[in-house]
Amino acid sequence: YDRTDVVATAVDSIVEHLQRPQCPATSRLPIPSLDSSAQSMGRH
């Protein structure tokens, strides 16, 4: 809710997600992981 570094990390992930080009709904291509500083996984 309010820890500065956690909010910043979450917002970084949100911005990257929202700015990532949207694949067609039928696509099953993998989404690149967000970073290597935490456990991340992308999928369709």
ModelCIF file with pLDDT and N, C-alpha, C, O atoms, coordinates in Angstrom:
data_MODEL
#
_entry.id   MODEL 
#
_entity.id                         1 
_entity.type                       polymer 
_entity.pdbx_number_of_molecules   1 
#
_entity_poly.entity_id                      1 
_entity_poly.type                           'polypeptide(L)' 
_entity_poly.nstd_linkage                   no 
_entity_poly.nstd_monomer                   no 
_entity_poly.pdbx_seq_one_letter_code       YDRTDVVATAVDSIVEHLQRPQCPATSRLPIPSLDSSAQSMGRH 
_entity_poly.pdbx_seq_one_letter_code_can   YDRTDVVATAVDSIVEHLQRPQCPATSRLPIPSLDSSAQSMGRH 
_entity_poly.pdbx_strand_id                 A 
#
loop_
_entity_poly_seq.entity_id 
_entity_poly_seq.num 
_entity_poly_seq.mon_id 
_entity_poly_seq.hetero 
1 1  TYR n 
1 2  ASP n 
1 3  ARG n 
1 4  THR n 
1 5  ASP n 
1 6  VAL n 
1 7  VAL n 
1 8  ALA n 
1 9  THR n 
1 10 ALA n 
1 11 VAL n 
1 12 ASP n 
1 13 SER n 
1 14 ILE n 
1 15 VAL n 
1 16 GLU n 
1 17 HIS n 
1 18 LEU n 
1 19 GLN n 
1 20 ARG n 
1 21 PRO n 
1 22 GLN n 
1 23 CYS n 
1 24 PRO n 
1 25 ALA n 
1 26 THR n 
1 27 SER n 
1 28 ARG n 
1 29 LEU n 
1 30 PRO n 
1 31 ILE n 
1 32 PRO n 
1 33 SER n 
1 34 LEU n 
1 35 ASP n 
1 36 SER n 
1 37 SER n 
1 38 ALA n 
1 39 GLN n 
1 40 SER n 
1 41 MET n 
1 42 GLY n 
1 43 ARG n 
1 44 HIS n 
#
_struct_asym.id          A 
_struct_asym.entity_id   1 
#
loop_
_ma_qa_metric.id 
_ma_qa_metric.mode 
_ma_qa_metric.name 
_ma_qa_metric.software_group_id 
_ma_qa_metric.type 
1 global pLDDT . pLDDT 
2 local  pLDDT . pLDDT 
#
_ma_qa_metric_global.metric_id      1 
_ma_qa_metric_global.metric_value   67.64 
_ma_qa_metric_global.model_id       1 
_ma_qa_metric_global.ordinal_id     1 
#
loop_
_ma_qa_metric_local.label_asym_id 
_ma_qa_metric_local.label_comp_id 
_ma_qa_metric_local.label_seq_id 
_ma_qa_metric_local.metric_id 
_ma_qa_metric_local.metric_value 
_ma_qa_metric_local.model_id 
_ma_qa_metric_local.ordinal_id 
A TYR 1  2 98.00 1 1  
A ASP 2  2 98.00 1 2  
A ARG 3  2 98.00 1 3  
A THR 4  2 98.00 1 4  
A ASP 5  2 98.00 1 5  
A VAL 6  2 98.00 1 6  
A VAL 7  2 98.00 1 7  
A ALA 8  2 98.00 1 8  
A THR 9  2 98.00 1 9  
A ALA 10 2 98.00 1 10 
A VAL 11 2 98.00 1 11 
A ASP 12 2 98.00 1 12 
A SER 13 2 98.00 1 13 
A ILE 14 2 98.00 1 14 
A VAL 15 2 98.00 1 15 
A GLU 16 2 98.00 1 16 
A HIS 17 2 98.00 1 17 
A LEU 18 2 98.00 1 18 
A GLN 19 2 97.00 1 19 
A ARG 20 2 94.00 1 20 
A PRO 21 2 89.00 1 21 
A GLN 22 2 76.00 1 22 
A CYS 23 2 57.00 1 23 
A PRO 24 2 44.00 1 24 
A ALA 25 2 40.00 1 25 
A THR 26 2 32.00 1 26 
A SER 27 2 33.00 1 27 
A ARG 28 2 29.00 1 28 
A LEU 29 2 30.00 1 29 
A PRO 30 2 33.00 1 30 
A ILE 31 2 33.00 1 31 
A PRO 32 2 33.00 1 32 
A SER 33 2 32.00 1 33 
A LEU 34 2 31.00 1 34 
A ASP 35 2 38.00 1 35 
A SER 36 2 32.00 1 36 
A SER 37 2 39.00 1 37 
A ALA 38 2 45.00 1 38 
A GLN 39 2 47.00 1 39 
A SER 40 2 45.00 1 40 
A MET 41 2 48.00 1 41 
A GLY 42 2 50.00 1 42 
A ARG 43 2 47.00 1 43 
A HIS 44 2 38.00 1 44 
#
loop_
_atom_site.group_PDB 
_atom_site.id 
_atom_site.type_symbol 
_atom_site.label_atom_id 
_atom_site.label_alt_id 
_atom_site.label_comp_id 
_atom_site.label_asym_id 
_atom_site.label_entity_id 
_atom_site.label_seq_id 
_atom_site.pdbx_PDB_ins_code 
_atom_site.Cartn_x 
_atom_site.Cartn_y 
_atom_site.Cartn_z 
_atom_site.occupancy 
_atom_site.B_iso_or_equiv 
_atom_site.pdbx_formal_charge 
_atom_site.auth_seq_id 
_atom_site.auth_comp_id 
_atom_site.auth_asym_id 
_atom_site.auth_atom_id 
_atom_site.pdbx_PDB_model_num 
ATOM 1   N N  . TYR A 1 1  ? 0.802  -1.213  0.000   1.00 98.00 ? 1  TYR A N  1 
ATOM 2   C CA . TYR A 1 1  ? 0.000  0.000   0.000   1.00 98.00 ? 1  TYR A CA 1 
ATOM 3   C C  . TYR A 1 1  ? 0.838  1.268   0.000   1.00 98.00 ? 1  TYR A C  1 
ATOM 4   O O  . TYR A 1 1  ? 0.454  2.273   -0.598  1.00 98.00 ? 1  TYR A O  1 
ATOM 5   N N  . ASP A 1 2  ? 2.010  1.220   0.685   1.00 98.00 ? 2  ASP A N  1 
ATOM 6   C CA . ASP A 1 2  ? 2.707  2.506   0.840   1.00 98.00 ? 2  ASP A CA 1 
ATOM 7   C C  . ASP A 1 2  ? 4.212  2.410   1.058   1.00 98.00 ? 2  ASP A C  1 
ATOM 8   O O  . ASP A 1 2  ? 4.848  3.440   1.286   1.00 98.00 ? 2  ASP A O  1 
ATOM 9   N N  . ARG A 1 3  ? 4.809  1.225   1.000   1.00 98.00 ? 3  ARG A N  1 
ATOM 10  C CA . ARG A 1 3  ? 6.261  1.175   1.128   1.00 98.00 ? 3  ARG A CA 1 
ATOM 11  C C  . ARG A 1 3  ? 6.870  1.685   -0.169  1.00 98.00 ? 3  ARG A C  1 
ATOM 12  O O  . ARG A 1 3  ? 6.573  1.161   -1.243  1.00 98.00 ? 3  ARG A O  1 
ATOM 13  N N  . THR A 1 4  ? 7.701  2.680   -0.081  1.00 98.00 ? 4  THR A N  1 
ATOM 14  C CA . THR A 1 4  ? 8.141  3.419   -1.262  1.00 98.00 ? 4  THR A CA 1 
ATOM 15  C C  . THR A 1 4  ? 8.750  2.527   -2.323  1.00 98.00 ? 4  THR A C  1 
ATOM 16  O O  . THR A 1 4  ? 8.392  2.637   -3.495  1.00 98.00 ? 4  THR A O  1 
ATOM 17  N N  . ASP A 1 5  ? 9.668  1.640   -1.939  1.00 98.00 ? 5  ASP A N  1 
ATOM 18  C CA . ASP A 1 5  ? 10.328 0.803   -2.942  1.00 98.00 ? 5  ASP A CA 1 
ATOM 19  C C  . ASP A 1 5  ? 9.372  -0.222  -3.541  1.00 98.00 ? 5  ASP A C  1 
ATOM 20  O O  . ASP A 1 5  ? 9.484  -0.562  -4.718  1.00 98.00 ? 5  ASP A O  1 
ATOM 21  N N  . VAL A 1 6  ? 8.433  -0.717  -2.736  1.00 98.00 ? 6  VAL A N  1 
ATOM 22  C CA . VAL A 1 6  ? 7.474  -1.704  -3.235  1.00 98.00 ? 6  VAL A CA 1 
ATOM 23  C C  . VAL A 1 6  ? 6.493  -1.056  -4.212  1.00 98.00 ? 6  VAL A C  1 
ATOM 24  O O  . VAL A 1 6  ? 6.211  -1.609  -5.275  1.00 98.00 ? 6  VAL A O  1 
ATOM 25  N N  . VAL A 1 7  ? 5.974  0.118   -3.845  1.00 98.00 ? 7  VAL A N  1 
ATOM 26  C CA . VAL A 1 7  ? 5.072  0.827   -4.757  1.00 98.00 ? 7  VAL A CA 1 
ATOM 27  C C  . VAL A 1 7  ? 5.785  1.140   -6.071  1.00 98.00 ? 7  VAL A C  1 
ATOM 28  O O  . VAL A 1 7  ? 5.208  0.980   -7.146  1.00 98.00 ? 7  VAL A O  1 
ATOM 29  N N  . ALA A 1 8  ? 7.035  1.585   -5.985  1.00 98.00 ? 8  ALA A N  1 
ATOM 30  C CA . ALA A 1 8  ? 7.787  1.916   -7.198  1.00 98.00 ? 8  ALA A CA 1 
ATOM 31  C C  . ALA A 1 8  ? 7.977  0.689   -8.078  1.00 98.00 ? 8  ALA A C  1 
ATOM 32  O O  . ALA A 1 8  ? 7.826  0.774   -9.297  1.00 98.00 ? 8  ALA A O  1 
ATOM 33  N N  . THR A 1 9  ? 8.306  -0.451  -7.475  1.00 98.00 ? 9  THR A N  1 
ATOM 34  C CA . THR A 1 9  ? 8.482  -1.683  -8.246  1.00 98.00 ? 9  THR A CA 1 
ATOM 35  C C  . THR A 1 9  ? 7.175  -2.112  -8.892  1.00 98.00 ? 9  THR A C  1 
ATOM 36  O O  . THR A 1 9  ? 7.149  -2.493  -10.062 1.00 98.00 ? 9  THR A O  1 
ATOM 37  N N  . ALA A 1 10 ? 6.082  -2.049  -8.121  1.00 98.00 ? 10 ALA A N  1 
ATOM 38  C CA . ALA A 1 10 ? 4.776  -2.427  -8.672  1.00 98.00 ? 10 ALA A CA 1 
ATOM 39  C C  . ALA A 1 10 ? 4.386  -1.507  -9.822  1.00 98.00 ? 10 ALA A C  1 
ATOM 40  O O  . ALA A 1 10 ? 3.900  -1.973  -10.852 1.00 98.00 ? 10 ALA A O  1 
ATOM 41  N N  . VAL A 1 11 ? 4.595  -0.203  -9.652  1.00 98.00 ? 11 VAL A N  1 
ATOM 42  C CA . VAL A 1 11 ? 4.226  0.747   -10.702 1.00 98.00 ? 11 VAL A CA 1 
ATOM 43  C C  . VAL A 1 11 ? 5.093  0.533   -11.945 1.00 98.00 ? 11 VAL A C  1 
ATOM 44  O O  . VAL A 1 11 ? 4.594  0.640   -13.065 1.00 98.00 ? 11 VAL A O  1 
ATOM 45  N N  . ASP A 1 12 ? 6.368  0.238   -11.769 1.00 98.00 ? 12 ASP A N  1 
ATOM 46  C CA . ASP A 1 12 ? 7.214  -0.073  -12.923 1.00 98.00 ? 12 ASP A CA 1 
ATOM 47  C C  . ASP A 1 12 ? 6.629  -1.244  -13.716 1.00 98.00 ? 12 ASP A C  1 
ATOM 48  O O  . ASP A 1 12 ? 6.570  -1.199  -14.945 1.00 98.00 ? 12 ASP A O  1 
ATOM 49  N N  . SER A 1 13 ? 6.204  -2.276  -13.019 1.00 98.00 ? 13 SER A N  1 
ATOM 50  C CA . SER A 1 13 ? 5.620  -3.435  -13.681 1.00 98.00 ? 13 SER A CA 1 
ATOM 51  C C  . SER A 1 13 ? 4.307  -3.084  -14.369 1.00 98.00 ? 13 SER A C  1 
ATOM 52  O O  . SER A 1 13 ? 4.038  -3.536  -15.482 1.00 98.00 ? 13 SER A O  1 
ATOM 53  N N  . ILE A 1 14 ? 3.498  -2.279  -13.700 1.00 98.00 ? 14 ILE A N  1 
ATOM 54  C CA . ILE A 1 14 ? 2.209  -1.881  -14.277 1.00 98.00 ? 14 ILE A CA 1 
ATOM 55  C C  . ILE A 1 14 ? 2.424  -1.078  -15.556 1.00 98.00 ? 14 ILE A C  1 
ATOM 56  O O  . ILE A 1 14 ? 1.776  -1.333  -16.571 1.00 98.00 ? 14 ILE A O  1 
ATOM 57  N N  . VAL A 1 15 ? 3.330  -0.115  -15.504 1.00 98.00 ? 15 VAL A N  1 
ATOM 58  C CA . VAL A 1 15 ? 3.589  0.723   -16.681 1.00 98.00 ? 15 VAL A CA 1 
ATOM 59  C C  . VAL A 1 15 ? 4.092  -0.124  -17.843 1.00 98.00 ? 15 VAL A C  1 
ATOM 60  O O  . VAL A 1 15 ? 3.644  0.040   -18.978 1.00 98.00 ? 15 VAL A O  1 
ATOM 61  N N  . GLU A 1 16 ? 5.024  -1.029  -17.557 1.00 98.00 ? 16 GLU A N  1 
ATOM 62  C CA . GLU A 1 16 ? 5.524  -1.881  -18.633 1.00 98.00 ? 16 GLU A CA 1 
ATOM 63  C C  . GLU A 1 16 ? 4.399  -2.729  -19.223 1.00 98.00 ? 16 GLU A C  1 
ATOM 64  O O  . GLU A 1 16 ? 4.314  -2.901  -20.439 1.00 98.00 ? 16 GLU A O  1 
ATOM 65  N N  . HIS A 1 17 ? 3.552  -3.247  -18.365 1.00 98.00 ? 17 HIS A N  1 
ATOM 66  C CA . HIS A 1 17 ? 2.420  -4.057  -18.821 1.00 98.00 ? 17 HIS A CA 1 
ATOM 67  C C  . HIS A 1 17 ? 1.469  -3.246  -19.699 1.00 98.00 ? 17 HIS A C  1 
ATOM 68  O O  . HIS A 1 17 ? 1.050  -3.706  -20.761 1.00 98.00 ? 17 HIS A O  1 
ATOM 69  N N  . LEU A 1 18 ? 1.133  -2.041  -19.251 1.00 98.00 ? 18 LEU A N  1 
ATOM 70  C CA . LEU A 1 18 ? 0.167  -1.237  -20.001 1.00 98.00 ? 18 LEU A CA 1 
ATOM 71  C C  . LEU A 1 18 ? 0.747  -0.716  -21.308 1.00 98.00 ? 18 LEU A C  1 
ATOM 72  O O  . LEU A 1 18 ? 0.009  -0.495  -22.268 1.00 98.00 ? 18 LEU A O  1 
ATOM 73  N N  . GLN A 1 19 ? 2.041  -0.520  -21.355 1.00 97.00 ? 19 GLN A N  1 
ATOM 74  C CA . GLN A 1 19 ? 2.677  0.008   -22.566 1.00 97.00 ? 19 GLN A CA 1 
ATOM 75  C C  . GLN A 1 19 ? 3.085  -1.082  -23.549 1.00 97.00 ? 19 GLN A C  1 
ATOM 76  O O  . GLN A 1 19 ? 3.419  -0.789  -24.697 1.00 97.00 ? 19 GLN A O  1 
ATOM 77  N N  . ARG A 1 20 ? 3.062  -2.326  -23.110 1.00 94.00 ? 20 ARG A N  1 
ATOM 78  C CA . ARG A 1 20 ? 3.439  -3.423  -24.001 1.00 94.00 ? 20 ARG A CA 1 
ATOM 79  C C  . ARG A 1 20 ? 2.412  -3.566  -25.120 1.00 94.00 ? 20 ARG A C  1 
ATOM 80  O O  . ARG A 1 20 ? 1.211  -3.565  -24.846 1.00 94.00 ? 20 ARG A O  1 
ATOM 81  N N  . PRO A 1 21 ? 2.855  -3.689  -26.386 1.00 89.00 ? 21 PRO A N  1 
ATOM 82  C CA . PRO A 1 21 ? 1.892  -3.874  -27.479 1.00 89.00 ? 21 PRO A CA 1 
ATOM 83  C C  . PRO A 1 21 ? 1.012  -5.085  -27.214 1.00 89.00 ? 21 PRO A C  1 
ATOM 84  O O  . PRO A 1 21 ? 1.483  -6.139  -26.786 1.00 89.00 ? 21 PRO A O  1 
ATOM 85  N N  . GLN A 1 22 ? -0.258 -4.909  -27.476 1.00 76.00 ? 22 GLN A N  1 
ATOM 86  C CA . GLN A 1 22 ? -1.218 -5.970  -27.195 1.00 76.00 ? 22 GLN A CA 1 
ATOM 87  C C  . GLN A 1 22 ? -1.239 -6.980  -28.321 1.00 76.00 ? 22 GLN A C  1 
ATOM 88  O O  . GLN A 1 22 ? -1.419 -6.624  -29.485 1.00 76.00 ? 22 GLN A O  1 
ATOM 89  N N  . CYS A 1 23 ? -1.053 -8.254  -27.966 1.00 57.00 ? 23 CYS A N  1 
ATOM 90  C CA . CYS A 1 23 ? -1.101 -9.320  -28.967 1.00 57.00 ? 23 CYS A CA 1 
ATOM 91  C C  . CYS A 1 23 ? -2.550 -9.627  -29.315 1.00 57.00 ? 23 CYS A C  1 
ATOM 92  O O  . CYS A 1 23 ? -3.442 -9.343  -28.516 1.00 57.00 ? 23 CYS A O  1 
ATOM 93  N N  . PRO A 1 24 ? -2.810 -10.206 -30.498 1.00 44.00 ? 24 PRO A N  1 
ATOM 94  C CA . PRO A 1 24 ? -4.166 -10.630 -30.819 1.00 44.00 ? 24 PRO A CA 1 
ATOM 95  C C  . PRO A 1 24 ? -4.674 -11.625 -29.783 1.00 44.00 ? 24 PRO A C  1 
ATOM 96  O O  . PRO A 1 24 ? -3.895 -12.348 -29.162 1.00 44.00 ? 24 PRO A O  1 
ATOM 97  N N  . ALA A 1 25 ? -5.972 -11.649 -29.610 1.00 40.00 ? 25 ALA A N  1 
ATOM 98  C CA . ALA A 1 25 ? -6.559 -12.484 -28.565 1.00 40.00 ? 25 ALA A CA 1 
ATOM 99  C C  . ALA A 1 25 ? -6.238 -13.958 -28.751 1.00 40.00 ? 25 ALA A C  1 
ATOM 100 O O  . ALA A 1 25 ? -6.190 -14.705 -27.774 1.00 40.00 ? 25 ALA A O  1 
ATOM 101 N N  . THR A 1 26 ? -6.015 -14.391 -29.995 1.00 32.00 ? 26 THR A N  1 
ATOM 102 C CA . THR A 1 26 ? -5.780 -15.800 -30.253 1.00 32.00 ? 26 THR A CA 1 
ATOM 103 C C  . THR A 1 26 ? -4.313 -16.186 -30.129 1.00 32.00 ? 26 THR A C  1 
ATOM 104 O O  . THR A 1 26 ? -3.965 -17.359 -30.270 1.00 32.00 ? 26 THR A O  1 
ATOM 105 N N  . SER A 1 27 ? -3.440 -15.196 -29.861 1.00 33.00 ? 27 SER A N  1 
ATOM 106 C CA . SER A 1 27 ? -2.010 -15.465 -29.798 1.00 33.00 ? 27 SER A CA 1 
ATOM 107 C C  . SER A 1 27 ? -1.656 -16.300 -28.578 1.00 33.00 ? 27 SER A C  1 
ATOM 108 O O  . SER A 1 27 ? -2.272 -16.165 -27.521 1.00 33.00 ? 27 SER A O  1 
ATOM 109 N N  . ARG A 1 28 ? -0.665 -17.159 -28.732 1.00 29.00 ? 28 ARG A N  1 
ATOM 110 C CA . ARG A 1 28 ? -0.131 -17.916 -27.611 1.00 29.00 ? 28 ARG A CA 1 
ATOM 111 C C  . ARG A 1 28 ? 1.381  -17.720 -27.518 1.00 29.00 ? 28 ARG A C  1 
ATOM 112 O O  . ARG A 1 28 ? 2.099  -18.600 -27.042 1.00 29.00 ? 28 ARG A O  1 
ATOM 113 N N  . LEU A 1 29 ? 1.859  -16.560 -27.976 1.00 30.00 ? 29 LEU A N  1 
ATOM 114 C CA . LEU A 1 29 ? 3.274  -16.253 -27.886 1.00 30.00 ? 29 LEU A CA 1 
ATOM 115 C C  . LEU A 1 29 ? 3.633  -15.902 -26.452 1.00 30.00 ? 29 LEU A C  1 
ATOM 116 O O  . LEU A 1 29 ? 2.820  -15.307 -25.745 1.00 30.00 ? 29 LEU A O  1 
ATOM 117 N N  . PRO A 1 30 ? 4.844  -16.260 -26.004 1.00 33.00 ? 30 PRO A N  1 
ATOM 118 C CA . PRO A 1 30 ? 5.233  -15.906 -24.631 1.00 33.00 ? 30 PRO A CA 1 
ATOM 119 C C  . PRO A 1 30 ? 5.445  -14.422 -24.469 1.00 33.00 ? 30 PRO A C  1 
ATOM 120 O O  . PRO A 1 30 ? 5.896  -13.748 -25.395 1.00 33.00 ? 30 PRO A O  1 
ATOM 121 N N  . ILE A 1 31 ? 5.120  -13.900 -23.280 1.00 33.00 ? 31 ILE A N  1 
ATOM 122 C CA . ILE A 1 31 ? 5.377  -12.511 -22.936 1.00 33.00 ? 31 ILE A CA 1 
ATOM 123 C C  . ILE A 1 31 ? 6.709  -12.450 -22.216 1.00 33.00 ? 31 ILE A C  1 
ATOM 124 O O  . ILE A 1 31 ? 6.932  -13.253 -21.310 1.00 33.00 ? 31 ILE A O  1 
ATOM 125 N N  . PRO A 1 32 ? 7.615  -11.534 -22.571 1.00 33.00 ? 32 PRO A N  1 
ATOM 126 C CA . PRO A 1 32 ? 8.900  -11.453 -21.882 1.00 33.00 ? 32 PRO A CA 1 
ATOM 127 C C  . PRO A 1 32 ? 8.717  -11.179 -20.401 1.00 33.00 ? 32 PRO A C  1 
ATOM 128 O O  . PRO A 1 32 ? 7.797  -10.466 -20.002 1.00 33.00 ? 32 PRO A O  1 
ATOM 129 N N  . SER A 1 33 ? 9.609  -11.756 -19.577 1.00 32.00 ? 33 SER A N  1 
ATOM 130 C CA . SER A 1 33 ? 9.554  -11.492 -18.140 1.00 32.00 ? 33 SER A CA 1 
ATOM 131 C C  . SER A 1 33 ? 9.875  -10.034 -17.880 1.00 32.00 ? 33 SER A C  1 
ATOM 132 O O  . SER A 1 33 ? 10.563 -9.392  -18.674 1.00 32.00 ? 33 SER A O  1 
ATOM 133 N N  . LEU A 1 34 ? 9.374  -9.506  -16.759 1.00 31.00 ? 34 LEU A N  1 
ATOM 134 C CA . LEU A 1 34 ? 9.511  -8.086  -16.473 1.00 31.00 ? 34 LEU A CA 1 
ATOM 135 C C  . LEU A 1 34 ? 10.926 -7.710  -16.079 1.00 31.00 ? 34 LEU A C  1 
ATOM 136 O O  . LEU A 1 34 ? 11.450 -6.699  -16.545 1.00 31.00 ? 34 LEU A O  1 
ATOM 137 N N  . ASP A 1 35 ? 11.551 -8.507  -15.227 1.00 38.00 ? 35 ASP A N  1 
ATOM 138 C CA . ASP A 1 35 ? 12.921 -8.243  -14.825 1.00 38.00 ? 35 ASP A CA 1 
ATOM 139 C C  . ASP A 1 35 ? 13.457 -9.464  -14.118 1.00 38.00 ? 35 ASP A C  1 
ATOM 140 O O  . ASP A 1 35 ? 12.749 -10.461 -13.973 1.00 38.00 ? 35 ASP A O  1 
ATOM 141 N N  . SER A 1 36 ? 14.697 -9.399  -13.677 1.00 32.00 ? 36 SER A N  1 
ATOM 142 C CA . SER A 1 36 ? 15.312 -10.532 -13.007 1.00 32.00 ? 36 SER A CA 1 
ATOM 143 C C  . SER A 1 36 ? 15.472 -10.303 -11.516 1.00 32.00 ? 36 SER A C  1 
ATOM 144 O O  . SER A 1 36 ? 16.104 -11.105 -10.828 1.00 32.00 ? 36 SER A O  1 
ATOM 145 N N  . SER A 1 37 ? 14.900 -9.203  -11.005 1.00 39.00 ? 37 SER A N  1 
ATOM 146 C CA . SER A 1 37 ? 15.079 -8.894  -9.590  1.00 39.00 ? 37 SER A CA 1 
ATOM 147 C C  . SER A 1 37 ? 14.062 -9.582  -8.708  1.00 39.00 ? 37 SER A C  1 
ATOM 148 O O  . SER A 1 37 ? 14.202 -9.593  -7.485  1.00 39.00 ? 37 SER A O  1 
ATOM 149 N N  . ALA A 1 38 ? 13.032 -10.162 -9.324  1.00 45.00 ? 38 ALA A N  1 
ATOM 150 C CA . ALA A 1 38 ? 12.017 -10.889 -8.570  1.00 45.00 ? 38 ALA A CA 1 
ATOM 151 C C  . ALA A 1 38 ? 11.527 -12.017 -9.445  1.00 45.00 ? 38 ALA A C  1 
ATOM 152 O O  . ALA A 1 38 ? 11.819 -12.060 -10.640 1.00 45.00 ? 38 ALA A O  1 
ATOM 153 N N  . GLN A 1 39 ? 10.775 -12.939 -8.847  1.00 47.00 ? 39 GLN A N  1 
ATOM 154 C CA . GLN A 1 39 ? 10.213 -14.019 -9.639  1.00 47.00 ? 39 GLN A CA 1 
ATOM 155 C C  . GLN A 1 39 ? 9.193  -13.449 -10.604 1.00 47.00 ? 39 GLN A C  1 
ATOM 156 O O  . GLN A 1 39 ? 8.224  -12.819 -10.180 1.00 47.00 ? 39 GLN A O  1 
ATOM 157 N N  . SER A 1 40 ? 9.397  -13.661 -11.902 1.00 45.00 ? 40 SER A N  1 
ATOM 158 C CA . SER A 1 40 ? 8.486  -13.142 -12.903 1.00 45.00 ? 40 SER A CA 1 
ATOM 159 C C  . SER A 1 40 ? 8.170  -14.230 -13.905 1.00 45.00 ? 40 SER A C  1 
ATOM 160 O O  . SER A 1 40 ? 8.994  -15.110 -14.156 1.00 45.00 ? 40 SER A O  1 
ATOM 161 N N  . MET A 1 41 ? 6.984  -14.173 -14.477 1.00 48.00 ? 41 MET A N  1 
ATOM 162 C CA . MET A 1 41 ? 6.632  -15.143 -15.491 1.00 48.00 ? 41 MET A CA 1 
ATOM 163 C C  . MET A 1 41 ? 5.631  -14.519 -16.421 1.00 48.00 ? 41 MET A C  1 
ATOM 164 O O  . MET A 1 41 ? 4.712  -13.830 -15.979 1.00 48.00 ? 41 MET A O  1 
ATOM 165 N N  . GLY A 1 42 ? 5.798  -14.754 -17.718 1.00 50.00 ? 42 GLY A N  1 
ATOM 166 C CA . GLY A 1 42 ? 4.817  -14.289 -18.677 1.00 50.00 ? 42 GLY A CA 1 
ATOM 167 C C  . GLY A 1 42 ? 4.219  -15.470 -19.401 1.00 50.00 ? 42 GLY A C  1 
ATOM 168 O O  . GLY A 1 42 ? 4.882  -16.490 -19.587 1.00 50.00 ? 42 GLY A O  1 
ATOM 169 N N  . ARG A 1 43 ? 2.977  -15.343 -19.809 1.00 47.00 ? 43 ARG A N  1 
ATOM 170 C CA . ARG A 1 43 ? 2.359  -16.414 -20.585 1.00 47.00 ? 43 ARG A CA 1 
ATOM 171 C C  . ARG A 1 43 ? 1.146  -15.891 -21.316 1.00 47.00 ? 43 ARG A C  1 
ATOM 172 O O  . ARG A 1 43 ? 0.572  -14.869 -20.939 1.00 47.00 ? 43 ARG A O  1 
ATOM 173 N N  . HIS A 1 44 ? 0.760  -16.586 -22.352 1.00 38.00 ? 44 HIS A N  1 
ATOM 174 C CA . HIS A 1 44 ? -0.550 -16.470 -22.955 1.00 38.00 ? 44 HIS A CA 1 
ATOM 175 C C  . HIS A 1 44 ? -1.153 -17.877 -22.846 1.00 38.00 ? 44 HIS A C  1 
ATOM 176 O O  . HIS A 1 44 ? -2.283 -18.100 -23.281 1.00 38.00 ? 44 HIS A O  1 
#
